[in-house]
Amino acid sequence: MIKLITKLSLFTLLIFTSCNIQPQKIEYGKDACHFCRMNIVDQQHAAQLITAKGKSFKFDATECMIRYNSEIDPTTVALYVVADYKNPGILIDATKASFIISEN
């Protein structure tokens, strides 16, 4: 009976931790952009898309995330995060962020 309870507890724990919808840590200089395959090195421009199932896709720039998003069903996405320009390495909710687009 104790073995059964232990197995059920482990199974329940696995279920609840396997679909965690949150950004993964970006390993700058090691991780590659899911869209263009360039190494992600710039902490001010990185982005990440997390699906409803908890799968994370890392990008070297917001533009790559936007281009990739046009190739998938956006209803499968649970979270979009982008680098906080003033706090490099910190990811913030892209739907609440402000973006500046300039020719310069």
PDB file of N, CA and C in Angstrom:
ATOM      1  N   MET A   1       0.814  -1.188   0.000  1.00  0.00           N
ATOM      2  CA  MET A   1       0.000   0.000   0.000  1.00  0.00           C
ATOM      3  C   MET A   1       0.866   1.264   0.000  1.00  0.00           C
ATOM      4  N   ILE A   2       1.962   1.235   0.762  1.00  0.00           N
ATOM      5  CA  ILE A   2       2.852   2.393   0.819  1.00  0.00           C
ATOM      6  C   ILE A   2       3.518   2.620  -0.532  1.00  0.00           C
ATOM      7  N   LYS A   3       3.888   1.531  -1.226  1.00  0.00           N
ATOM      8  CA  LYS A   3       4.486   1.665  -2.556  1.00  0.00           C
ATOM      9  C   LYS A   3       3.512   2.319  -3.526  1.00  0.00           C
ATOM     10  N   LEU A   4       2.255   1.942  -3.443  1.00  0.00           N
ATOM     11  CA  LEU A   4       1.241   2.520  -4.320  1.00  0.00           C
ATOM     12  C   LEU A   4       1.064   4.004  -4.045  1.00  0.00           C
ATOM     13  N   ILE A   5       1.023   4.388  -2.793  1.00  0.00           N
ATOM     14  CA  ILE A   5       0.889   5.801  -2.425  1.00  0.00           C
ATOM     15  C   ILE A   5       2.109   6.589  -2.890  1.00  0.00           C
ATOM     16  N   THR A   6       3.292   6.009  -2.725  1.00  0.00           N
ATOM     17  CA  THR A   6       4.519   6.667  -3.175  1.00  0.00           C
ATOM     18  C   THR A   6       4.509   6.863  -4.686  1.00  0.00           C
ATOM     19  N   LYS A   7       4.117   5.843  -5.419  1.00  0.00           N
ATOM     20  CA  LYS A   7       4.065   5.945  -6.885  1.00  0.00           C
ATOM     21  C   LYS A   7       3.037   6.978  -7.325  1.00  0.00           C
ATOM     22  N   LEU A   8       1.876   6.993  -6.697  1.00  0.00           N
ATOM     23  CA  LEU A   8       0.844   7.977  -7.043  1.00  0.00           C
ATOM     24  C   LEU A   8       1.303   9.388  -6.721  1.00  0.00           C
ATOM     25  N   SER A   9       1.997   9.563  -5.613  1.00  0.00           N
ATOM     26  CA  SER A   9       2.521  10.877  -5.237  1.00  0.00           C
ATOM     27  C   SER A   9       3.550  11.370  -6.254  1.00  0.00           C
ATOM     28  N   LEU A  10       4.452  10.491  -6.657  1.00  0.00           N
ATOM     29  CA  LEU A  10       5.459  10.863  -7.652  1.00  0.00           C
ATOM     30  C   LEU A  10       4.819  11.186  -9.000  1.00  0.00           C
ATOM     31  N   PHE A  11       3.833  10.397  -9.380  1.00  0.00           N
ATOM     32  CA  PHE A  11       3.131  10.632 -10.638  1.00  0.00           C
ATOM     33  C   PHE A  11       2.420  11.989 -10.611  1.00  0.00           C
ATOM     34  N   THR A  12       1.750  12.294  -9.517  1.00  0.00           N
ATOM     35  CA  THR A  12       1.059  13.580  -9.373  1.00  0.00           C
ATOM     36  C   THR A  12       2.045  14.733  -9.415  1.00  0.00           C
ATOM     37  N   LEU A  13       3.153  14.601  -8.729  1.00  0.00           N
ATOM     38  CA  LEU A  13       4.186  15.626  -8.737  1.00  0.00           C
ATOM     39  C   LEU A  13       4.727  15.850 -10.143  1.00  0.00           C
ATOM     40  N   LEU A  14       4.954  14.784 -10.873  1.00  0.00           N
ATOM     41  CA  LEU A  14       5.453  14.874 -12.243  1.00  0.00           C
ATOM     42  C   LEU A  14       4.468  15.606 -13.141  1.00  0.00           C
ATOM     43  N   ILE A  15       3.199  15.313 -12.994  1.00  0.00           N
ATOM     44  CA  ILE A  15       2.172  15.963 -13.817  1.00  0.00           C
ATOM     45  C   ILE A  15       2.145  17.468 -13.569  1.00  0.00           C
ATOM     46  N   PHE A  16       2.192  17.860 -12.310  1.00  0.00           N
ATOM     47  CA  PHE A  16       2.083  19.277 -11.989  1.00  0.00           C
ATOM     48  C   PHE A  16       3.342  20.073 -12.299  1.00  0.00           C
ATOM     49  N   THR A  17       4.491  19.450 -12.352  1.00  0.00           N
ATOM     50  CA  THR A  17       5.716  20.185 -12.642  1.00  0.00           C
ATOM     51  C   THR A  17       6.118  20.115 -14.108  1.00  0.00           C
ATOM     52  N   SER A  18       5.537  19.213 -14.881  1.00  0.00           N
ATOM     53  CA  SER A  18       5.974  19.046 -16.268  1.00  0.00           C
ATOM     54  C   SER A  18       5.413  20.122 -17.194  1.00  0.00           C
ATOM     55  N   CYS A  19       4.299  20.732 -16.877  1.00  0.00           N
ATOM     56  CA  CYS A  19       3.685  21.740 -17.734  1.00  0.00           C
ATOM     57  C   CYS A  19       3.744  23.115 -17.092  1.00  0.00           C
ATOM     58  N   ASN A  20       4.902  23.465 -16.615  1.00  0.00           N
ATOM     59  CA  ASN A  20       5.099  24.739 -15.949  1.00  0.00           C
ATOM     60  C   ASN A  20       5.224  25.845 -16.992  1.00  0.00           C
ATOM     61  N   ILE A  21       4.282  26.771 -16.999  1.00  0.00           N
ATOM     62  CA  ILE A  21       4.288  27.831 -18.009  1.00  0.00           C
ATOM     63  C   ILE A  21       5.054  29.025 -17.471  1.00  0.00           C
ATOM     64  N   GLN A  22       6.353  28.999 -17.709  1.00  0.00           N
ATOM     65  CA  GLN A  22       7.228  30.104 -17.324  1.00  0.00           C
ATOM     66  C   GLN A  22       8.465  30.069 -18.204  1.00  0.00           C
ATOM     67  N   PRO A  23       9.124  31.213 -18.366  1.00  0.00           N
ATOM     68  CA  PRO A  23      10.316  31.238 -19.218  1.00  0.00           C
ATOM     69  C   PRO A  23      11.433  30.373 -18.649  1.00  0.00           C
ATOM     70  N   GLN A  24      12.214  29.810 -19.555  1.00  0.00           N
ATOM     71  CA  GLN A  24      13.412  29.081 -19.150  1.00  0.00           C
ATOM     72  C   GLN A  24      14.567  30.066 -19.127  1.00  0.00           C
ATOM     73  N   LYS A  25      15.574  29.735 -18.373  1.00  0.00           N
ATOM     74  CA  LYS A  25      16.764  30.576 -18.326  1.00  0.00           C
ATOM     75  C   LYS A  25      17.457  30.520 -19.692  1.00  0.00           C
ATOM     76  N   ILE A  26      17.826  31.673 -20.208  1.00  0.00           N
ATOM     77  CA  ILE A  26      18.567  31.734 -21.470  1.00  0.00           C
ATOM     78  C   ILE A  26      20.056  31.671 -21.153  1.00  0.00           C
ATOM     79  N   GLU A  27      20.732  30.731 -21.767  1.00  0.00           N
ATOM     80  CA  GLU A  27      22.179  30.601 -21.609  1.00  0.00           C
ATOM     81  C   GLU A  27      22.834  31.440 -22.711  1.00  0.00           C
ATOM     82  N   TYR A  28      23.109  32.706 -22.384  1.00  0.00           N
ATOM     83  CA  TYR A  28      23.673  33.634 -23.363  1.00  0.00           C
ATOM     84  C   TYR A  28      25.036  33.134 -23.841  1.00  0.00           C
ATOM     85  N   GLY A  29      25.196  33.131 -25.154  1.00  0.00           N
ATOM     86  CA  GLY A  29      26.428  32.639 -25.767  1.00  0.00           C
ATOM     87  C   GLY A  29      26.386  31.154 -26.082  1.00  0.00           C
ATOM     88  N   LYS A  30      25.377  30.434 -25.543  1.00  0.00           N
ATOM     89  CA  LYS A  30      25.251  28.997 -25.793  1.00  0.00           C
ATOM     90  C   LYS A  30      23.957  28.657 -26.515  1.00  0.00           C
ATOM     91  N   ASP A  31      22.832  29.231 -26.074  1.00  0.00           N
ATOM     92  CA  ASP A  31      21.545  28.939 -26.706  1.00  0.00           C
ATOM     93  C   ASP A  31      21.462  29.598 -28.080  1.00  0.00           C
ATOM     94  N   ALA A  32      20.765  28.933 -28.995  1.00  0.00           N
ATOM     95  CA  ALA A  32      20.577  29.456 -30.351  1.00  0.00           C
ATOM     96  C   ALA A  32      19.132  29.898 -30.536  1.00  0.00           C
ATOM     97  N   CYS A  33      18.950  30.889 -31.378  1.00  0.00           N
ATOM     98  CA  CYS A  33      17.627  31.387 -31.717  1.00  0.00           C
ATOM     99  C   CYS A  33      16.849  30.296 -32.455  1.00  0.00           C
ATOM    100  N   HIS A  34      15.625  30.053 -32.031  1.00  0.00           N
ATOM    101  CA  HIS A  34      14.804  29.018 -32.647  1.00  0.00           C
ATOM    102  C   HIS A  34      14.443  29.368 -34.091  1.00  0.00           C
ATOM    103  N   PHE A  35      14.421  30.652 -34.419  1.00  0.00           N
ATOM    104  CA  PHE A  35      14.023  31.071 -35.768  1.00  0.00           C
ATOM    105  C   PHE A  35      15.218  31.162 -36.726  1.00  0.00           C
ATOM    106  N   CYS A  36      16.238  31.922 -36.370  1.00  0.00           N
ATOM    107  CA  CYS A  36      17.348  32.165 -37.310  1.00  0.00           C
ATOM    108  C   CYS A  36      18.613  31.370 -37.001  1.00  0.00           C
ATOM    109  N   ARG A  37      18.623  30.664 -35.864  1.00  0.00           N
ATOM    110  CA  ARG A  37      19.725  29.796 -35.440  1.00  0.00           C
ATOM    111  C   ARG A  37      20.986  30.544 -34.986  1.00  0.00           C
ATOM    112  N   MET A  38      20.937  31.868 -34.910  1.00  0.00           N
ATOM    113  CA  MET A  38      22.091  32.617 -34.395  1.00  0.00           C
ATOM    114  C   MET A  38      22.205  32.388 -32.892  1.00  0.00           C
ATOM    115  N   ASN A  39      23.432  32.473 -32.355  1.00  0.00           N
ATOM    116  CA  ASN A  39      23.609  32.384 -30.913  1.00  0.00           C
ATOM    117  C   ASN A  39      22.948  33.579 -30.241  1.00  0.00           C
ATOM    118  N   ILE A  40      22.345  33.339 -29.099  1.00  0.00           N
ATOM    119  CA  ILE A  40      21.723  34.421 -28.335  1.00  0.00           C
ATOM    120  C   ILE A  40      22.797  34.984 -27.418  1.00  0.00           C
ATOM    121  N   VAL A  41      23.262  36.193 -27.721  1.00  0.00           N
ATOM    122  CA  VAL A  41      24.337  36.800 -26.929  1.00  0.00           C
ATOM    123  C   VAL A  41      23.931  38.146 -26.323  1.00  0.00           C
ATOM    124  N   ASP A  42      22.976  38.819 -26.914  1.00  0.00           N
ATOM    125  CA  ASP A  42      22.599  40.156 -26.464  1.00  0.00           C
ATOM    126  C   ASP A  42      21.450  40.071 -25.452  1.00  0.00           C
ATOM    127  N   GLN A  43      21.744  40.423 -24.212  1.00  0.00           N
ATOM    128  CA  GLN A  43      20.744  40.346 -23.153  1.00  0.00           C
ATOM    129  C   GLN A  43      19.672  41.426 -23.264  1.00  0.00           C
ATOM    130  N   GLN A  44      19.891  42.442 -24.074  1.00  0.00           N
ATOM    131  CA  GLN A  44      18.896  43.513 -24.229  1.00  0.00           C
ATOM    132  C   GLN A  44      17.865  43.222 -25.311  1.00  0.00           C
ATOM    133  N   HIS A  45      18.061  42.187 -26.108  1.00  0.00           N
ATOM    134  CA  HIS A  45      17.146  41.944 -27.219  1.00  0.00           C
ATOM    135  C   HIS A  45      16.553  40.540 -27.253  1.00  0.00           C
ATOM    136  N   ALA A  46      16.894  39.692 -26.320  1.00  0.00           N
ATOM    137  CA  ALA A  46      16.405  38.309 -26.312  1.00  0.00           C
ATOM    138  C   ALA A  46      14.893  38.266 -26.081  1.00  0.00           C
ATOM    139  N   ALA A  47      14.278  37.176 -26.521  1.00  0.00           N
ATOM    140  CA  ALA A  47      12.838  36.990 -26.344  1.00  0.00           C
ATOM    141  C   ALA A  47      12.563  35.500 -26.192  1.00  0.00           C
ATOM    142  N   GLN A  48      11.347  35.210 -25.734  1.00  0.00           N
ATOM    143  CA  GLN A  48      10.974  33.813 -25.538  1.00  0.00           C
ATOM    144  C   GLN A  48       9.468  33.666 -25.695  1.00  0.00           C
ATOM    145  N   LEU A  49       9.073  32.556 -26.267  1.00  0.00           N
ATOM    146  CA  LEU A  49       7.662  32.217 -26.458  1.00  0.00           C
ATOM    147  C   LEU A  49       7.437  30.905 -25.720  1.00  0.00           C
ATOM    148  N   ILE A  50       6.400  30.847 -24.881  1.00  0.00           N
ATOM    149  CA  ILE A  50       6.105  29.644 -24.130  1.00  0.00           C
ATOM    150  C   ILE A  50       4.708  29.171 -24.504  1.00  0.00           C
ATOM    151  N   THR A  51       4.593  27.900 -24.893  1.00  0.00           N
ATOM    152  CA  THR A  51       3.304  27.365 -25.323  1.00  0.00           C
ATOM    153  C   THR A  51       2.431  27.017 -24.119  1.00  0.00           C
ATOM    154  N   ALA A  52       1.181  26.733 -24.394  1.00  0.00           N
ATOM    155  CA  ALA A  52       0.242  26.345 -23.338  1.00  0.00           C
ATOM    156  C   ALA A  52       0.663  25.031 -22.675  1.00  0.00           C
ATOM    157  N   LYS A  53       1.455  24.230 -23.382  1.00  0.00           N
ATOM    158  CA  LYS A  53       1.944  22.972 -22.815  1.00  0.00           C
ATOM    159  C   LYS A  53       3.255  23.158 -22.057  1.00  0.00           C
ATOM    160  N   GLY A  54       3.786  24.384 -22.022  1.00  0.00           N
ATOM    161  CA  GLY A  54       4.996  24.679 -21.268  1.00  0.00           C
ATOM    162  C   GLY A  54       6.285  24.597 -22.058  1.00  0.00           C
ATOM    163  N   LYS A  55       6.211  24.365 -23.365  1.00  0.00           N
ATOM    164  CA  LYS A  55       7.419  24.297 -24.192  1.00  0.00           C
ATOM    165  C   LYS A  55       7.917  25.711 -24.472  1.00  0.00           C
ATOM    166  N   SER A  56       9.214  25.906 -24.328  1.00  0.00           N
ATOM    167  CA  SER A  56       9.817  27.223 -24.488  1.00  0.00           C
ATOM    168  C   SER A  56      10.631  27.306 -25.776  1.00  0.00           C
ATOM    169  N   PHE A  57      10.467  28.413 -26.500  1.00  0.00           N
ATOM    170  CA  PHE A  57      11.249  28.690 -27.702  1.00  0.00           C
ATOM    171  C   PHE A  57      11.992  29.999 -27.468  1.00  0.00           C
ATOM    172  N   LYS A  58      13.306  29.956 -27.603  1.00  0.00           N
ATOM    173  CA  LYS A  58      14.152  31.122 -27.326  1.00  0.00           C
ATOM    174  C   LYS A  58      14.550  31.806 -28.626  1.00  0.00           C
ATOM    175  N   PHE A  59      14.652  33.144 -28.568  1.00  0.00           N
ATOM    176  CA  PHE A  59      14.972  33.936 -29.759  1.00  0.00           C
ATOM    177  C   PHE A  59      16.028  34.983 -29.417  1.00  0.00           C
ATOM    178  N   ASP A  60      16.853  35.315 -30.416  1.00  0.00           N
ATOM    179  CA  ASP A  60      17.890  36.315 -30.190  1.00  0.00           C
ATOM    180  C   ASP A  60      17.350  37.732 -30.294  1.00  0.00           C
ATOM    181  N   ALA A  61      16.141  37.900 -30.817  1.00  0.00           N
ATOM    182  CA  ALA A  61      15.537  39.228 -30.938  1.00  0.00           C
ATOM    183  C   ALA A  61      14.017  39.098 -31.010  1.00  0.00           C
ATOM    184  N   THR A  62      13.342  40.146 -30.627  1.00  0.00           N
ATOM    185  CA  THR A  62      11.879  40.169 -30.684  1.00  0.00           C
ATOM    186  C   THR A  62      11.387  39.939 -32.106  1.00  0.00           C
ATOM    187  N   GLU A  63      12.113  40.475 -33.090  1.00  0.00           N
ATOM    188  CA  GLU A  63      11.724  40.315 -34.492  1.00  0.00           C
ATOM    189  C   GLU A  63      11.661  38.842 -34.896  1.00  0.00           C
ATOM    190  N   CYS A  64      12.597  38.046 -34.404  1.00  0.00           N
ATOM    191  CA  CYS A  64      12.587  36.613 -34.719  1.00  0.00           C
ATOM    192  C   CYS A  64      11.374  35.932 -34.085  1.00  0.00           C
ATOM    193  N   MET A  65      11.026  36.339 -32.868  1.00  0.00           N
ATOM    194  CA  MET A  65       9.853  35.769 -32.219  1.00  0.00           C
ATOM    195  C   MET A  65       8.584  36.124 -32.993  1.00  0.00           C
ATOM    196  N   ILE A  66       8.496  37.350 -33.476  1.00  0.00           N
ATOM    197  CA  ILE A  66       7.328  37.778 -34.242  1.00  0.00           C
ATOM    198  C   ILE A  66       7.241  37.004 -35.553  1.00  0.00           C
ATOM    199  N   ARG A  67       8.358  36.833 -36.227  1.00  0.00           N
ATOM    200  CA  ARG A  67       8.358  36.081 -37.486  1.00  0.00           C
ATOM    201  C   ARG A  67       7.977  34.614 -37.256  1.00  0.00           C
ATOM    202  N   TYR A  68       8.497  34.026 -36.195  1.00  0.00           N
ATOM    203  CA  TYR A  68       8.153  32.640 -35.882  1.00  0.00           C
ATOM    204  C   TYR A  68       6.667  32.530 -35.529  1.00  0.00           C
ATOM    205  N   ASN A  69       6.147  33.501 -34.815  1.00  0.00           N
ATOM    206  CA  ASN A  69       4.742  33.492 -34.414  1.00  0.00           C
ATOM    207  C   ASN A  69       3.811  33.491 -35.622  1.00  0.00           C
ATOM    208  N   SER A  70       4.242  34.079 -36.728  1.00  0.00           N
ATOM    209  CA  SER A  70       3.401  34.105 -37.925  1.00  0.00           C
ATOM    210  C   SER A  70       3.355  32.737 -38.615  1.00  0.00           C
ATOM    211  N   GLU A  71       4.241  31.832 -38.216  1.00  0.00           N
ATOM    212  CA  GLU A  71       4.293  30.490 -38.809  1.00  0.00           C
ATOM    213  C   GLU A  71       3.548  29.439 -37.987  1.00  0.00           C
ATOM    214  N   ILE A  72       3.079  29.818 -36.803  1.00  0.00           N
ATOM    215  CA  ILE A  72       2.409  28.854 -35.925  1.00  0.00           C
ATOM    216  C   ILE A  72       1.001  29.347 -35.596  1.00  0.00           C
ATOM    217  N   ASP A  73       0.244  28.512 -34.918  1.00  0.00           N
ATOM    218  CA  ASP A  73      -1.080  28.899 -34.452  1.00  0.00           C
ATOM    219  C   ASP A  73      -0.901  29.700 -33.156  1.00  0.00           C
ATOM    220  N   PRO A  74      -1.140  31.003 -33.178  1.00  0.00           N
ATOM    221  CA  PRO A  74      -0.899  31.819 -31.981  1.00  0.00           C
ATOM    222  C   PRO A  74      -1.775  31.453 -30.785  1.00  0.00           C
ATOM    223  N   THR A  75      -2.843  30.699 -31.018  1.00  0.00           N
ATOM    224  CA  THR A  75      -3.687  30.301 -29.890  1.00  0.00           C
ATOM    225  C   THR A  75      -3.008  29.243 -29.021  1.00  0.00           C
ATOM    226  N   THR A  76      -1.909  28.657 -29.508  1.00  0.00           N
ATOM    227  CA  THR A  76      -1.177  27.668 -28.715  1.00  0.00           C
ATOM    228  C   THR A  76      -0.164  28.332 -27.774  1.00  0.00           C
ATOM    229  N   VAL A  77       0.009  29.638 -27.888  1.00  0.00           N
ATOM    230  CA  VAL A  77       0.994  30.360 -27.088  1.00  0.00           C
ATOM    231  C   VAL A  77       0.357  30.851 -25.786  1.00  0.00           C
ATOM    232  N   ALA A  78       1.017  30.571 -24.681  1.00  0.00           N
ATOM    233  CA  ALA A  78       0.531  30.999 -23.376  1.00  0.00           C
ATOM    234  C   ALA A  78       1.207  32.283 -22.911  1.00  0.00           C
ATOM    235  N   LEU A  79       2.456  32.489 -23.334  1.00  0.00           N
ATOM    236  CA  LEU A  79       3.219  33.613 -22.813  1.00  0.00           C
ATOM    237  C   LEU A  79       4.276  34.071 -23.814  1.00  0.00           C
ATOM    238  N   TYR A  80       4.360  35.376 -23.979  1.00  0.00           N
ATOM    239  CA  TYR A  80       5.417  36.000 -24.763  1.00  0.00           C
ATOM    240  C   TYR A  80       6.231  36.849 -23.783  1.00  0.00           C
ATOM    241  N   VAL A  81       7.549  36.676 -23.775  1.00  0.00           N
ATOM    242  CA  VAL A  81       8.394  37.518 -22.936  1.00  0.00           C
ATOM    243  C   VAL A  81       9.532  38.086 -23.769  1.00  0.00           C
ATOM    244  N   VAL A  82       9.946  39.296 -23.403  1.00  0.00           N
ATOM    245  CA  VAL A  82      11.047  39.973 -24.084  1.00  0.00           C
ATOM    246  C   VAL A  82      11.993  40.539 -23.032  1.00  0.00           C
ATOM    247  N   ALA A  83      13.195  40.841 -23.464  1.00  0.00           N
ATOM    248  CA  ALA A  83      14.178  41.421 -22.554  1.00  0.00           C
ATOM    249  C   ALA A  83      13.759  42.828 -22.153  1.00  0.00           C
ATOM    250  N   ASP A  84      13.943  43.130 -20.887  1.00  0.00           N
ATOM    251  CA  ASP A  84      13.730  44.489 -20.390  1.00  0.00           C
ATOM    252  C   ASP A  84      14.984  45.272 -20.758  1.00  0.00           C
ATOM    253  N   TYR A  85      14.857  46.214 -21.673  1.00  0.00           N
ATOM    254  CA  TYR A  85      16.020  46.919 -22.226  1.00  0.00           C
ATOM    255  C   TYR A  85      16.846  47.601 -21.130  1.00  0.00           C
ATOM    256  N   LYS A  86      16.169  48.163 -20.135  1.00  0.00           N
ATOM    257  CA  LYS A  86      16.888  48.864 -19.061  1.00  0.00           C
ATOM    258  C   LYS A  86      17.492  47.914 -18.032  1.00  0.00           C
ATOM    259  N   ASN A  87      17.035  46.677 -18.022  1.00  0.00           N
ATOM    260  CA  ASN A  87      17.545  45.670 -17.083  1.00  0.00           C
ATOM    261  C   ASN A  87      17.919  44.408 -17.859  1.00  0.00           C
ATOM    262  N   PRO A  88      19.042  44.428 -18.579  1.00  0.00           N
ATOM    263  CA  PRO A  88      19.443  43.292 -19.401  1.00  0.00           C
ATOM    264  C   PRO A  88      19.450  41.978 -18.620  1.00  0.00           C
ATOM    265  N   GLY A  89      18.937  40.931 -19.258  1.00  0.00           N
ATOM    266  CA  GLY A  89      18.884  39.617 -18.640  1.00  0.00           C
ATOM    267  C   GLY A  89      17.566  39.342 -17.935  1.00  0.00           C
ATOM    268  N   ILE A  90      16.753  40.390 -17.734  1.00  0.00           N
ATOM    269  CA  ILE A  90      15.437  40.248 -17.113  1.00  0.00           C
ATOM    270  C   ILE A  90      14.393  40.169 -18.222  1.00  0.00           C
ATOM    271  N   LEU A  91      13.511  39.161 -18.157  1.00  0.00           N
ATOM    272  CA  LEU A  91      12.457  39.006 -19.154  1.00  0.00           C
ATOM    273  C   LEU A  91      11.129  39.510 -18.592  1.00  0.00           C
ATOM    274  N   ILE A  92      10.398  40.267 -19.417  1.00  0.00           N
ATOM    275  CA  ILE A  92       9.112  40.818 -19.004  1.00  0.00           C
ATOM    276  C   ILE A  92       8.031  40.402 -20.004  1.00  0.00           C
ATOM    277  N   ASP A  93       6.789  40.500 -19.584  1.00  0.00           N
ATOM    278  CA  ASP A  93       5.643  40.148 -20.420  1.00  0.00           C
ATOM    279  C   ASP A  93       5.610  41.075 -21.646  1.00  0.00           C
ATOM    280  N   ALA A  94       5.732  40.493 -22.826  1.00  0.00           N
ATOM    281  CA  ALA A  94       5.774  41.285 -24.067  1.00  0.00           C
ATOM    282  C   ALA A  94       4.449  41.984 -24.356  1.00  0.00           C
ATOM    283  N   THR A  95       3.347  41.426 -23.857  1.00  0.00           N
ATOM    284  CA  THR A  95       2.044  42.046 -24.118  1.00  0.00           C
ATOM    285  C   THR A  95       1.838  43.301 -23.283  1.00  0.00           C
ATOM    286  N   LYS A  96       2.709  43.526 -22.293  1.00  0.00           N
ATOM    287  CA  LYS A  96       2.617  44.725 -21.454  1.00  0.00           C
ATOM    288  C   LYS A  96       3.802  45.661 -21.656  1.00  0.00           C
ATOM    289  N   ALA A  97       4.707  45.284 -22.547  1.00  0.00           N
ATOM    290  CA  ALA A  97       5.914  46.080 -22.796  1.00  0.00           C
ATOM    291  C   ALA A  97       5.643  47.165 -23.835  1.00  0.00           C
ATOM    292  N   SER A  98       6.475  48.196 -23.811  1.00  0.00           N
ATOM    293  CA  SER A  98       6.426  49.251 -24.827  1.00  0.00           C
ATOM    294  C   SER A  98       7.589  49.022 -25.782  1.00  0.00           C
ATOM    295  N   PHE A  99       7.331  49.233 -27.070  1.00  0.00           N
ATOM    296  CA  PHE A  99       8.364  49.031 -28.082  1.00  0.00           C
ATOM    297  C   PHE A  99       8.555  50.323 -28.865  1.00  0.00           C
ATOM    298  N   ILE A 100       9.808  50.617 -29.185  1.00  0.00           N
ATOM    299  CA  ILE A 100      10.137  51.777 -29.999  1.00  0.00           C
ATOM    300  C   ILE A 100      10.686  51.256 -31.319  1.00  0.00           C
ATOM    301  N   ILE A 101      10.118  51.710 -32.420  1.00  0.00           N
ATOM    302  CA  ILE A 101      10.577  51.319 -33.752  1.00  0.00           C
ATOM    303  C   ILE A 101      11.140  52.564 -34.414  1.00  0.00           C
ATOM    304  N   SER A 102      12.389  52.482 -34.842  1.00  0.00           N
ATOM    305  CA  SER A 102      13.055  53.636 -35.421  1.00  0.00           C
ATOM    306  C   SER A 102      13.908  53.213 -36.610  1.00  0.00           C
ATOM    307  N   GLU A 103      14.006  54.073 -37.594  1.00  0.00           N
ATOM    308  CA  GLU A 103      14.900  53.810 -38.722  1.00  0.00           C
ATOM    309  C   GLU A 103      16.354  53.924 -38.305  1.00  0.00           C
ATOM    310  N   ASN A 104      16.626  54.633 -37.230  1.00  0.00           N
ATOM    311  CA  ASN A 104      17.989  54.796 -36.728  1.00  0.00           C
ATOM    312  C   ASN A 104      18.361  53.635 -35.842  1.00  0.00           C
TER     313      ASN A 104
END
